[in-house]
Amino acid sequence: MVYCRENIARALLDLGARENVPLADLVSFRVGGPAAFVLQPKGEEELCRALALCREEHVPVLLLGNGTNVLPSDEGFRGLVIQLSGNDRSPVFEGEKVVAGAGCSLTALAKESVQRGLMGLERLCGIPGTVGGAVAMNAGAYGGEIKTALRRVRVYRDGAFLWEDARLEEMGYRKSPYTWPGTIVSAVELQLLPDDGTAAATMADCMKKRREKQPLSLPSAGSTFKRPGGHFAGALIEGCGLKGCTIGGAQVSELHAGFIVNRGGATAGDIEALMRHVQDVVFNETGVHLEPEVKRLEDLTCIF
């Protein structure tokens, strides 16, 4: 699986990278072949060094948070996976402002903000990704989205990281200017509000809805398709009789048709084939094209 010259490989290993790591261990679908190298950088300096090494040798780079919205390849990845989760310091709260690293758990941050008497993130509790991933796709749920609290973003520009004001006018439904491979986010600054007394109850209600309506006990990548204008993806899929439809180990969830789940032993190929089948059936029966919300590996690979 080694893609790059021995000296570059040794330099990545010296930074703490691991070799031949199954992508199935890094993504929530629990599928995918081995990655040649995986690095969890300990800070911005280490991240910049790794990117410089990859630029020098044109080594493909893949950026991951918790891997909750990614469908990798069964063949694996012949490059460096940079995993921005697990190594971040605790978020720093100053009054109603909070600075959090990109690898920070969004759910953990939402819970802590409510515990501190703040509101603005309570509807996002339960989204399984990182803060960086949430900003990259303007994550939202139950009427809330991270855009409403976002004020500044620390981004990679010309070999270094710097703070810039959030480009909120460019953010929309599952749309953001902070998406890899165009941009790397290392931290964000959020402006929250004093709790008006409803935050805890709202968070509990959103979590209850998730437990009741979503197949949380099986590996998935959350909602498989974006919400098409004027429709709900899950309702269209269910209306076409696809609930429970199975290819290999992949299945349209019997609990919520908007989710494709790994029932055990699924391959990335099973999941991709089922996604295409769902798209074809829904389009043929309704005329609506379902756009994937799940990102494929080839869409997330960057060669500098």
C-alpha atoms as a PDB file:
ATOM      1  CA  MET A   1       0.000   0.000   0.000  1.00  0.00           C
ATOM      2  CA  VAL A   2       2.978   2.391   0.336  1.00  0.00           C
ATOM      3  CA  TYR A   3       2.536   5.097  -2.309  1.00  0.00           C
ATOM      4  CA  CYS A   4       5.440   7.457  -1.641  1.00  0.00           C
ATOM      5  CA  ARG A   5       9.223   7.254  -1.562  1.00  0.00           C
ATOM      6  CA  GLU A   6      10.892   5.666   1.416  1.00  0.00           C
ATOM      7  CA  ASN A   7      12.224   8.970   2.778  1.00  0.00           C
ATOM      8  CA  ILE A   8       8.741  10.534   2.771  1.00  0.00           C
ATOM      9  CA  ALA A   9       7.257   7.416   4.320  1.00  0.00           C
ATOM     10  CA  ARG A  10       9.897   7.513   7.079  1.00  0.00           C
ATOM     11  CA  ALA A  11       9.198  11.209   7.727  1.00  0.00           C
ATOM     12  CA  LEU A  12       5.470  10.500   8.098  1.00  0.00           C
ATOM     13  CA  LEU A  13       6.202   7.630  10.471  1.00  0.00           C
ATOM     14  CA  ASP A  14       8.506   9.906  12.473  1.00  0.00           C
ATOM     15  CA  LEU A  15       5.570  12.300  12.877  1.00  0.00           C
ATOM     16  CA  GLY A  16       3.606   9.446  14.451  1.00  0.00           C
ATOM     17  CA  ALA A  17       1.690   8.172  11.435  1.00  0.00           C
ATOM     18  CA  ARG A  18       0.497   4.557  11.446  1.00  0.00           C
ATOM     19  CA  GLU A  19       0.777   2.243   8.440  1.00  0.00           C
ATOM     20  CA  ASN A  20      -1.882   0.117   6.721  1.00  0.00           C
ATOM     21  CA  VAL A  21      -4.806   1.120   8.922  1.00  0.00           C
ATOM     22  CA  PRO A  22      -8.258  -0.232   7.910  1.00  0.00           C
ATOM     23  CA  LEU A  23     -10.540   2.609   6.868  1.00  0.00           C
ATOM     24  CA  ALA A  24     -13.324   0.510   8.382  1.00  0.00           C
ATOM     25  CA  ASP A  25     -11.884   1.501  11.776  1.00  0.00           C
ATOM     26  CA  LEU A  26     -12.110   5.208  10.915  1.00  0.00           C
ATOM     27  CA  VAL A  27     -15.583   5.639   9.401  1.00  0.00           C
ATOM     28  CA  SER A  28     -19.028   5.088  10.882  1.00  0.00           C
ATOM     29  CA  PHE A  29     -20.146   2.769   8.054  1.00  0.00           C
ATOM     30  CA  ARG A  30     -17.437   0.328   9.249  1.00  0.00           C
ATOM     31  CA  VAL A  31     -16.350  -0.494   5.694  1.00  0.00           C
ATOM     32  CA  GLY A  32     -13.273   0.200   3.594  1.00  0.00           C
ATOM     33  CA  GLY A  33      -9.840  -1.187   2.807  1.00  0.00           C
ATOM     34  CA  PRO A  34      -6.499  -0.115   4.302  1.00  0.00           C
ATOM     35  CA  ALA A  35      -5.065   3.390   4.261  1.00  0.00           C
ATOM     36  CA  ALA A  36      -1.317   3.517   3.585  1.00  0.00           C
ATOM     37  CA  PHE A  37      -0.796   6.037   6.421  1.00  0.00           C
ATOM     38  CA  VAL A  38      -3.004   7.599   9.100  1.00  0.00           C
ATOM     39  CA  LEU A  39      -1.904  10.561  11.224  1.00  0.00           C
ATOM     40  CA  GLN A  40      -3.645  12.211  14.164  1.00  0.00           C
ATOM     41  CA  PRO A  41      -1.668  15.462  14.332  1.00  0.00           C
ATOM     42  CA  LYS A  42      -0.980  16.779  17.822  1.00  0.00           C
ATOM     43  CA  GLY A  43      -1.271  20.381  16.750  1.00  0.00           C
ATOM     44  CA  GLU A  44      -1.180  22.828  13.858  1.00  0.00           C
ATOM     45  CA  GLU A  45       2.607  22.686  13.495  1.00  0.00           C
ATOM     46  CA  GLU A  46       2.562  18.923  13.038  1.00  0.00           C
ATOM     47  CA  LEU A  47      -0.357  19.180  10.618  1.00  0.00           C
ATOM     48  CA  CYS A  48       1.456  21.791   8.539  1.00  0.00           C
ATOM     49  CA  ARG A  49       4.579  19.615   8.454  1.00  0.00           C
ATOM     50  CA  ALA A  50       2.599  16.604   7.243  1.00  0.00           C
ATOM     51  CA  LEU A  51       0.925  18.653   4.505  1.00  0.00           C
ATOM     52  CA  ALA A  52       4.316  20.024   3.398  1.00  0.00           C
ATOM     53  CA  LEU A  53       5.718  16.498   3.135  1.00  0.00           C
ATOM     54  CA  CYS A  54       2.763  15.369   1.037  1.00  0.00           C
ATOM     55  CA  ARG A  55       3.045  18.424  -1.201  1.00  0.00           C
ATOM     56  CA  GLU A  56       6.734  17.665  -1.768  1.00  0.00           C
ATOM     57  CA  GLU A  57       5.977  14.181  -3.100  1.00  0.00           C
ATOM     58  CA  HIS A  58       2.412  14.767  -4.405  1.00  0.00           C
ATOM     59  CA  VAL A  59       1.077  12.212  -1.950  1.00  0.00           C
ATOM     60  CA  PRO A  60      -2.746  12.023  -1.912  1.00  0.00           C
ATOM     61  CA  VAL A  61      -4.275  13.386   1.290  1.00  0.00           C
ATOM     62  CA  LEU A  62      -7.663  12.619   2.826  1.00  0.00           C
ATOM     63  CA  LEU A  63      -8.999  14.650   5.758  1.00  0.00           C
ATOM     64  CA  LEU A  64     -11.323  12.948   8.250  1.00  0.00           C
ATOM     65  CA  GLY A  65     -13.012  13.919  11.476  1.00  0.00           C
ATOM     66  CA  ASN A  66     -15.114  11.146  12.961  1.00  0.00           C
ATOM     67  CA  GLY A  67     -15.753   9.736   9.486  1.00  0.00           C
ATOM     68  CA  THR A  68     -19.508   9.936  10.005  1.00  0.00           C
ATOM     69  CA  ASN A  69     -20.363  11.152   6.518  1.00  0.00           C
ATOM     70  CA  VAL A  70     -17.881   9.224   4.373  1.00  0.00           C
ATOM     71  CA  LEU A  71     -18.085   6.155   2.142  1.00  0.00           C
ATOM     72  CA  PRO A  72     -14.545   4.858   1.492  1.00  0.00           C
ATOM     73  CA  SER A  73     -13.364   2.334  -1.060  1.00  0.00           C
ATOM     74  CA  ASP A  74     -12.937  -1.392  -0.541  1.00  0.00           C
ATOM     75  CA  GLU A  75      -9.533  -0.996  -2.225  1.00  0.00           C
ATOM     76  CA  GLY A  76      -8.362   1.390   0.481  1.00  0.00           C
ATOM     77  CA  PHE A  77      -6.414   4.641   0.114  1.00  0.00           C
ATOM     78  CA  ARG A  78      -2.858   4.933  -1.210  1.00  0.00           C
ATOM     79  CA  GLY A  79      -1.912   8.074   0.649  1.00  0.00           C
ATOM     80  CA  LEU A  80      -2.117   9.875   3.995  1.00  0.00           C
ATOM     81  CA  VAL A  81      -5.318  10.101   6.006  1.00  0.00           C
ATOM     82  CA  ILE A  82      -5.223  13.023   8.434  1.00  0.00           C
ATOM     83  CA  GLN A  83      -7.659  12.332  11.256  1.00  0.00           C
ATOM     84  CA  LEU A  84      -8.713  15.479  13.106  1.00  0.00           C
ATOM     85  CA  SER A  85     -10.410  13.844  16.062  1.00  0.00           C
ATOM     86  CA  GLY A  86      -9.356  12.636  19.467  1.00  0.00           C
ATOM     87  CA  ASN A  87      -6.393  14.947  20.101  1.00  0.00           C
ATOM     88  CA  ASP A  88      -8.041  18.323  20.673  1.00  0.00           C
ATOM     89  CA  ARG A  89      -7.857  20.190  23.944  1.00  0.00           C
ATOM     90  CA  SER A  90     -11.066  20.977  25.809  1.00  0.00           C
ATOM     91  CA  PRO A  91     -13.085  23.877  24.393  1.00  0.00           C
ATOM     92  CA  VAL A  92     -12.420  27.252  25.992  1.00  0.00           C
ATOM     93  CA  PHE A  93     -15.472  29.184  27.216  1.00  0.00           C
ATOM     94  CA  GLU A  94     -15.302  32.936  27.860  1.00  0.00           C
ATOM     95  CA  GLY A  95     -18.740  34.181  28.806  1.00  0.00           C
ATOM     96  CA  GLU A  96     -21.004  33.424  25.861  1.00  0.00           C
ATOM     97  CA  LYS A  97     -18.097  32.813  23.483  1.00  0.00           C
ATOM     98  CA  VAL A  98     -16.446  29.423  22.965  1.00  0.00           C
ATOM     99  CA  VAL A  99     -13.365  28.399  20.985  1.00  0.00           C
ATOM    100  CA  ALA A 100     -13.272  24.720  20.038  1.00  0.00           C
ATOM    101  CA  GLY A 101     -10.837  22.642  18.015  1.00  0.00           C
ATOM    102  CA  ALA A 102     -12.014  21.076  14.765  1.00  0.00           C
ATOM    103  CA  GLY A 103     -11.654  17.583  16.244  1.00  0.00           C
ATOM    104  CA  CYS A 104     -13.913  18.312  19.216  1.00  0.00           C
ATOM    105  CA  SER A 105     -17.111  16.245  19.395  1.00  0.00           C
ATOM    106  CA  LEU A 106     -20.102  18.380  18.387  1.00  0.00           C
ATOM    107  CA  THR A 107     -22.397  16.475  20.758  1.00  0.00           C
ATOM    108  CA  ALA A 108     -19.994  16.890  23.682  1.00  0.00           C
ATOM    109  CA  LEU A 109     -19.697  20.615  22.967  1.00  0.00           C
ATOM    110  CA  ALA A 110     -23.474  21.011  22.762  1.00  0.00           C
ATOM    111  CA  LYS A 111     -23.958  19.228  26.093  1.00  0.00           C
ATOM    112  CA  GLU A 112     -21.273  21.284  27.835  1.00  0.00           C
ATOM    113  CA  SER A 113     -22.700  24.548  26.509  1.00  0.00           C
ATOM    114  CA  VAL A 114     -26.132  23.702  27.940  1.00  0.00           C
ATOM    115  CA  GLN A 115     -24.550  22.694  31.247  1.00  0.00           C
ATOM    116  CA  ARG A 116     -22.903  26.143  31.341  1.00  0.00           C
ATOM    117  CA  GLY A 117     -26.250  27.905  30.914  1.00  0.00           C
ATOM    118  CA  LEU A 118     -25.856  28.680  27.228  1.00  0.00           C
ATOM    119  CA  MET A 119     -27.979  27.992  24.174  1.00  0.00           C
ATOM    120  CA  GLY A 120     -27.464  27.874  20.434  1.00  0.00           C
ATOM    121  CA  LEU A 121     -26.165  24.324  19.978  1.00  0.00           C
ATOM    122  CA  GLU A 122     -28.821  22.303  21.806  1.00  0.00           C
ATOM    123  CA  ARG A 123     -30.614  21.180  18.623  1.00  0.00           C
ATOM    124  CA  LEU A 124     -27.328  19.821  17.229  1.00  0.00           C
ATOM    125  CA  CYS A 125     -26.760  17.446  20.129  1.00  0.00           C
ATOM    126  CA  GLY A 126     -26.638  13.883  18.841  1.00  0.00           C
ATOM    127  CA  ILE A 127     -25.053  14.724  15.481  1.00  0.00           C
ATOM    128  CA  PRO A 128     -22.137  12.282  15.645  1.00  0.00           C
ATOM    129  CA  GLY A 129     -19.467  14.313  13.868  1.00  0.00           C
ATOM    130  CA  THR A 130     -16.782  16.767  14.916  1.00  0.00           C
ATOM    131  CA  VAL A 131     -17.025  20.542  15.132  1.00  0.00           C
ATOM    132  CA  GLY A 132     -14.840  20.858  12.029  1.00  0.00           C
ATOM    133  CA  GLY A 133     -17.042  18.463  10.107  1.00  0.00           C
ATOM    134  CA  ALA A 134     -20.137  20.337  11.230  1.00  0.00           C
ATOM    135  CA  VAL A 135     -18.748  23.618   9.907  1.00  0.00           C
ATOM    136  CA  ALA A 136     -17.610  21.952   6.672  1.00  0.00           C
ATOM    137  CA  MET A 137     -21.179  20.883   5.861  1.00  0.00           C
ATOM    138  CA  ASN A 138     -23.112  23.469   7.903  1.00  0.00           C
ATOM    139  CA  ALA A 139     -24.594  20.648   9.956  1.00  0.00           C
ATOM    140  CA  GLY A 140     -28.129  21.108  11.162  1.00  0.00           C
ATOM    141  CA  ALA A 141     -31.052  19.287  12.712  1.00  0.00           C
ATOM    142  CA  TYR A 142     -34.537  20.027  14.057  1.00  0.00           C
ATOM    143  CA  GLY A 143     -34.479  23.640  12.899  1.00  0.00           C
ATOM    144  CA  GLY A 144     -30.970  24.485  14.101  1.00  0.00           C
ATOM    145  CA  GLU A 145     -27.693  24.792  12.204  1.00  0.00           C
ATOM    146  CA  ILE A 146     -24.157  25.620  13.247  1.00  0.00           C
ATOM    147  CA  LYS A 147     -24.068  28.664  10.985  1.00  0.00           C
ATOM    148  CA  THR A 148     -26.209  30.643  13.421  1.00  0.00           C
ATOM    149  CA  ALA A 149     -23.506  30.484  16.122  1.00  0.00           C
ATOM    150  CA  LEU A 150     -20.385  30.636  13.935  1.00  0.00           C
ATOM    151  CA  ARG A 151     -18.313  33.823  14.143  1.00  0.00           C
ATOM    152  CA  ARG A 152     -14.689  33.039  13.237  1.00  0.00           C
ATOM    153  CA  VAL A 153     -12.850  30.119  11.648  1.00  0.00           C
ATOM    154  CA  ARG A 154      -9.168  29.198  11.862  1.00  0.00           C
ATOM    155  CA  VAL A 155      -8.178  28.000   8.394  1.00  0.00           C
ATOM    156  CA  TYR A 156      -5.120  26.806   6.481  1.00  0.00           C
ATOM    157  CA  ARG A 157      -3.776  29.441   4.093  1.00  0.00           C
ATOM    158  CA  ASP A 158      -0.414  29.312   2.284  1.00  0.00           C
ATOM    159  CA  GLY A 159       1.233  26.851   4.642  1.00  0.00           C
ATOM    160  CA  ALA A 160      -0.053  28.283   7.939  1.00  0.00           C
ATOM    161  CA  PHE A 161      -3.247  28.694   9.981  1.00  0.00           C
ATOM    162  CA  LEU A 162      -4.954  32.031  10.606  1.00  0.00           C
ATOM    163  CA  TRP A 163      -8.241  33.336  11.973  1.00  0.00           C
ATOM    164  CA  GLU A 164     -10.781  34.855   9.612  1.00  0.00           C
ATOM    165  CA  ASP A 165     -14.369  36.037   9.983  1.00  0.00           C
ATOM    166  CA  ALA A 166     -16.876  33.361   9.056  1.00  0.00           C
ATOM    167  CA  ARG A 167     -18.212  33.690   5.514  1.00  0.00           C
ATOM    168  CA  LEU A 168     -21.798  33.166   6.599  1.00  0.00           C
ATOM    169  CA  GLU A 169     -23.287  34.445   3.348  1.00  0.00           C
ATOM    170  CA  GLU A 170     -21.745  31.432   1.584  1.00  0.00           C
ATOM    171  CA  MET A 171     -23.280  28.909   3.965  1.00  0.00           C
ATOM    172  CA  GLY A 172     -26.609  27.183   3.360  1.00  0.00           C
ATOM    173  CA  TYR A 173     -28.273  23.793   3.525  1.00  0.00           C
ATOM    174  CA  ARG A 174     -25.364  21.310   3.648  1.00  0.00           C
ATOM    175  CA  LYS A 175     -23.262  23.989   1.972  1.00  0.00           C
ATOM    176  CA  SER A 176     -20.146  25.717   3.290  1.00  0.00           C
ATOM    177  CA  PRO A 177     -16.950  27.368   2.007  1.00  0.00           C
ATOM    178  CA  TYR A 178     -15.033  25.386   4.656  1.00  0.00           C
ATOM    179  CA  THR A 179     -15.198  22.025   2.921  1.00  0.00           C
ATOM    180  CA  TRP A 180     -12.165  19.847   2.323  1.00  0.00           C
ATOM    181  CA  PRO A 181     -10.291  19.598  -0.028  1.00  0.00           C
ATOM    182  CA  GLY A 182     -10.554  23.348  -0.595  1.00  0.00           C
ATOM    183  CA  THR A 183     -10.087  24.292   3.049  1.00  0.00           C
ATOM    184  CA  ILE A 184      -8.774  22.853   6.305  1.00  0.00           C
ATOM    185  CA  VAL A 185     -10.338  24.103   9.540  1.00  0.00           C
ATOM    186  CA  SER A 186      -8.357  23.686  12.766  1.00  0.00           C
ATOM    187  CA  ALA A 187     -10.625  25.601  15.182  1.00  0.00           C
ATOM    188  CA  VAL A 188     -13.772  27.723  15.345  1.00  0.00           C
ATOM    189  CA  GLU A 189     -15.137  30.529  17.492  1.00  0.00           C
ATOM    190  CA  LEU A 190     -18.831  30.354  18.324  1.00  0.00           C
ATOM    191  CA  GLN A 191     -21.035  33.034  19.860  1.00  0.00           C
ATOM    192  CA  LEU A 192     -23.772  31.502  22.003  1.00  0.00           C
ATOM    193  CA  LEU A 193     -26.654  33.064  23.953  1.00  0.00           C
ATOM    194  CA  PRO A 194     -27.752  32.965  27.588  1.00  0.00           C
ATOM    195  CA  ASP A 195     -30.144  30.086  28.168  1.00  0.00           C
ATOM    196  CA  ASP A 196     -33.724  31.336  28.288  1.00  0.00           C
ATOM    197  CA  GLY A 197     -34.694  28.284  30.306  1.00  0.00           C
ATOM    198  CA  THR A 198     -35.578  26.032  27.370  1.00  0.00           C
ATOM    199  CA  ALA A 199     -32.190  24.692  26.208  1.00  0.00           C
ATOM    200  CA  ALA A 200     -32.085  21.513  28.316  1.00  0.00           C
ATOM    201  CA  ALA A 201     -35.650  20.520  27.435  1.00  0.00           C
ATOM    202  CA  THR A 202     -35.061  21.222  23.736  1.00  0.00           C
ATOM    203  CA  MET A 203     -31.890  19.134  23.758  1.00  0.00           C
ATOM    204  CA  ALA A 204     -33.624  16.256  25.536  1.00  0.00           C
ATOM    205  CA  ASP A 205     -36.517  16.364  23.058  1.00  0.00           C
ATOM    206  CA  CYS A 206     -34.171  16.294  20.049  1.00  0.00           C
ATOM    207  CA  MET A 207     -32.239  13.367  21.527  1.00  0.00           C
ATOM    208  CA  LYS A 208     -35.497  11.500  22.180  1.00  0.00           C
ATOM    209  CA  LYS A 209     -36.563  11.953  18.555  1.00  0.00           C
ATOM    210  CA  ARG A 210     -33.210  10.613  17.375  1.00  0.00           C
ATOM    211  CA  ARG A 211     -33.466   7.488  19.524  1.00  0.00           C
ATOM    212  CA  GLU A 212     -37.031   6.806  18.408  1.00  0.00           C
ATOM    213  CA  LYS A 213     -36.685   7.519  14.696  1.00  0.00           C
ATOM    214  CA  GLN A 214     -33.103   6.736  13.720  1.00  0.00           C
ATOM    215  CA  PRO A 215     -31.314   3.349  13.469  1.00  0.00           C
ATOM    216  CA  LEU A 216     -28.601   4.253  15.965  1.00  0.00           C
ATOM    217  CA  SER A 217     -27.781   0.618  16.804  1.00  0.00           C
ATOM    218  CA  LEU A 218     -26.375  -0.155  13.338  1.00  0.00           C
ATOM    219  CA  PRO A 219     -23.410   1.373  11.478  1.00  0.00           C
ATOM    220  CA  SER A 220     -24.471   4.111   9.081  1.00  0.00           C
ATOM    221  CA  ALA A 221     -23.425   7.556   7.904  1.00  0.00           C
ATOM    222  CA  GLY A 222     -26.557   9.296   9.072  1.00  0.00           C
ATOM    223  CA  SER A 223     -28.910  10.619   6.415  1.00  0.00           C
ATOM    224  CA  THR A 224     -27.770   9.084   3.135  1.00  0.00           C
ATOM    225  CA  PHE A 225     -29.338  11.658   0.813  1.00  0.00           C
ATOM    226  CA  LYS A 226     -29.895  15.402   0.979  1.00  0.00           C
ATOM    227  CA  ARG A 227     -33.435  16.693   1.377  1.00  0.00           C
ATOM    228  CA  PRO A 228     -34.753  17.416  -2.153  1.00  0.00           C
ATOM    229  CA  GLY A 229     -36.734  20.620  -2.602  1.00  0.00           C
ATOM    230  CA  GLY A 230     -40.350  20.172  -1.566  1.00  0.00           C
ATOM    231  CA  HIS A 231     -39.829  16.589  -0.380  1.00  0.00           C
ATOM    232  CA  PHE A 232     -38.251  14.428   2.302  1.00  0.00           C
ATOM    233  CA  ALA A 233     -35.806  11.797   1.050  1.00  0.00           C
ATOM    234  CA  GLY A 234     -36.928   9.155   3.562  1.00  0.00           C
ATOM    235  CA  ALA A 235     -40.595   9.574   2.645  1.00  0.00           C
ATOM    236  CA  LEU A 236     -39.859   9.272  -1.077  1.00  0.00           C
ATOM    237  CA  ILE A 237     -37.766   6.141  -0.529  1.00  0.00           C
ATOM    238  CA  GLU A 238     -40.401   4.540   1.694  1.00  0.00           C
ATOM    239  CA  GLY A 239     -43.139   5.502  -0.757  1.00  0.00           C
ATOM    240  CA  CYS A 240     -41.300   3.577  -3.460  1.00  0.00           C
ATOM    241  CA  GLY A 241     -41.399   0.416  -1.340  1.00  0.00           C
ATOM    242  CA  LEU A 242     -37.659   0.403  -0.670  1.00  0.00           C
ATOM    243  CA  LYS A 243     -37.720   0.200   3.118  1.00  0.00           C
ATOM    244  CA  GLY A 244     -35.764  -2.927   4.032  1.00  0.00           C
ATOM    245  CA  CYS A 245     -34.293  -3.296   0.523  1.00  0.00           C
ATOM    246  CA  THR A 246     -30.978  -5.129   0.810  1.00  0.00           C
ATOM    247  CA  ILE A 247     -27.854  -5.596  -1.302  1.00  0.00           C
ATOM    248  CA  GLY A 248     -25.237  -7.779   0.349  1.00  0.00           C
ATOM    249  CA  GLY A 249     -24.839  -6.539   3.908  1.00  0.00           C
ATOM    250  CA  ALA A 250     -26.250  -3.073   3.135  1.00  0.00           C
ATOM    251  CA  GLN A 251     -29.902  -2.290   3.826  1.00  0.00           C
ATOM    252  CA  VAL A 252     -32.321   0.611   3.596  1.00  0.00           C
ATOM    253  CA  SER A 253     -33.174   0.905   7.281  1.00  0.00           C
ATOM    254  CA  GLU A 254     -36.427  -0.670   8.342  1.00  0.00           C
ATOM    255  CA  LEU A 255     -36.764   2.068  10.964  1.00  0.00           C
ATOM    256  CA  HIS A 256     -36.031   5.134   8.815  1.00  0.00           C
ATOM    257  CA  ALA A 257     -35.789   4.841   5.021  1.00  0.00           C
ATOM    258  CA  GLY A 258     -33.522   7.889   4.845  1.00  0.00           C
ATOM    259  CA  PHE A 259     -30.688   5.785   6.296  1.00  0.00           C
ATOM    260  CA  ILE A 260     -28.661   3.024   4.673  1.00  0.00           C
ATOM    261  CA  VAL A 261     -27.166   0.765   7.337  1.00  0.00           C
ATOM    262  CA  ASN A 262     -24.530  -1.935   7.535  1.00  0.00           C
ATOM    263  CA  ARG A 263     -26.370  -4.968   8.866  1.00  0.00           C
ATOM    264  CA  GLY A 264     -23.096  -6.861   9.178  1.00  0.00           C
ATOM    265  CA  GLY A 265     -20.472  -7.808   6.637  1.00  0.00           C
ATOM    266  CA  ALA A 266     -21.359  -5.055   4.179  1.00  0.00           C
ATOM    267  CA  THR A 267     -18.729  -3.809   1.771  1.00  0.00           C
ATOM    268  CA  ALA A 268     -18.387  -0.275   0.479  1.00  0.00           C
ATOM    269  CA  GLY A 269     -19.457  -1.712  -2.882  1.00  0.00           C
ATOM    270  CA  ASP A 270     -22.689  -3.046  -1.343  1.00  0.00           C
ATOM    271  CA  ILE A 271     -23.513   0.385   0.060  1.00  0.00           C
ATOM    272  CA  GLU A 272     -22.706   2.219  -3.163  1.00  0.00           C
ATOM    273  CA  ALA A 273     -24.756  -0.248  -5.220  1.00  0.00           C
ATOM    274  CA  LEU A 274     -27.728   0.179  -2.885  1.00  0.00           C
ATOM    275  CA  MET A 275     -27.435   3.963  -3.059  1.00  0.00           C
ATOM    276  CA  ARG A 276     -27.531   3.830  -6.869  1.00  0.00           C
ATOM    277  CA  HIS A 277     -30.492   1.449  -6.809  1.00  0.00           C
ATOM    278  CA  VAL A 278     -32.439   3.758  -4.495  1.00  0.00           C
ATOM    279  CA  GLN A 279     -31.652   6.764  -6.690  1.00  0.00           C
ATOM    280  CA  ASP A 280     -32.756   4.925  -9.848  1.00  0.00           C
ATOM    281  CA  VAL A 281     -36.030   3.651  -8.383  1.00  0.00           C
ATOM    282  CA  VAL A 282     -36.984   6.975  -6.818  1.00  0.00           C
ATOM    283  CA  PHE A 283     -36.203   8.875 -10.017  1.00  0.00           C
ATOM    284  CA  ASN A 284     -38.096   6.420 -12.214  1.00  0.00           C
ATOM    285  CA  GLU A 285     -41.171   6.490  -9.973  1.00  0.00           C
ATOM    286  CA  THR A 286     -41.242  10.136  -8.870  1.00  0.00           C
ATOM    287  CA  GLY A 287     -38.953  12.105 -11.184  1.00  0.00           C
ATOM    288  CA  VAL A 288     -36.968  13.326  -8.155  1.00  0.00           C
ATOM    289  CA  HIS A 289     -33.187  12.939  -8.199  1.00  0.00           C
ATOM    290  CA  LEU A 290     -31.753  12.161  -4.775  1.00  0.00           C
ATOM    291  CA  GLU A 291     -28.379  13.778  -4.225  1.00  0.00           C
ATOM    292  CA  PRO A 292     -26.089  11.899  -1.819  1.00  0.00           C
ATOM    293  CA  GLU A 293     -25.244  13.590   1.447  1.00  0.00           C
ATOM    294  CA  VAL A 294     -22.616  10.915   2.049  1.00  0.00           C
ATOM    295  CA  LYS A 295     -19.234  11.842   0.548  1.00  0.00           C
ATOM    296  CA  ARG A 296     -17.357   9.315  -1.573  1.00  0.00           C
ATOM    297  CA  LEU A 297     -13.621   8.880  -1.104  1.00  0.00           C
ATOM    298  CA  GLU A 298     -12.730  10.180  -4.556  1.00  0.00           C
ATOM    299  CA  ASP A 299     -14.540  13.437  -3.814  1.00  0.00           C
ATOM    300  CA  LEU A 300     -12.450  13.960  -0.685  1.00  0.00           C
ATOM    301  CA  THR A 301      -8.971  13.191  -2.031  1.00  0.00           C
ATOM    302  CA  CYS A 302      -6.526  16.046  -2.577  1.00  0.00           C
ATOM    303  CA  ILE A 303      -3.126  15.986  -4.307  1.00  0.00           C
ATOM    304  CA  PHE A 304      -1.324  19.270  -3.671  1.00  0.00           C
END
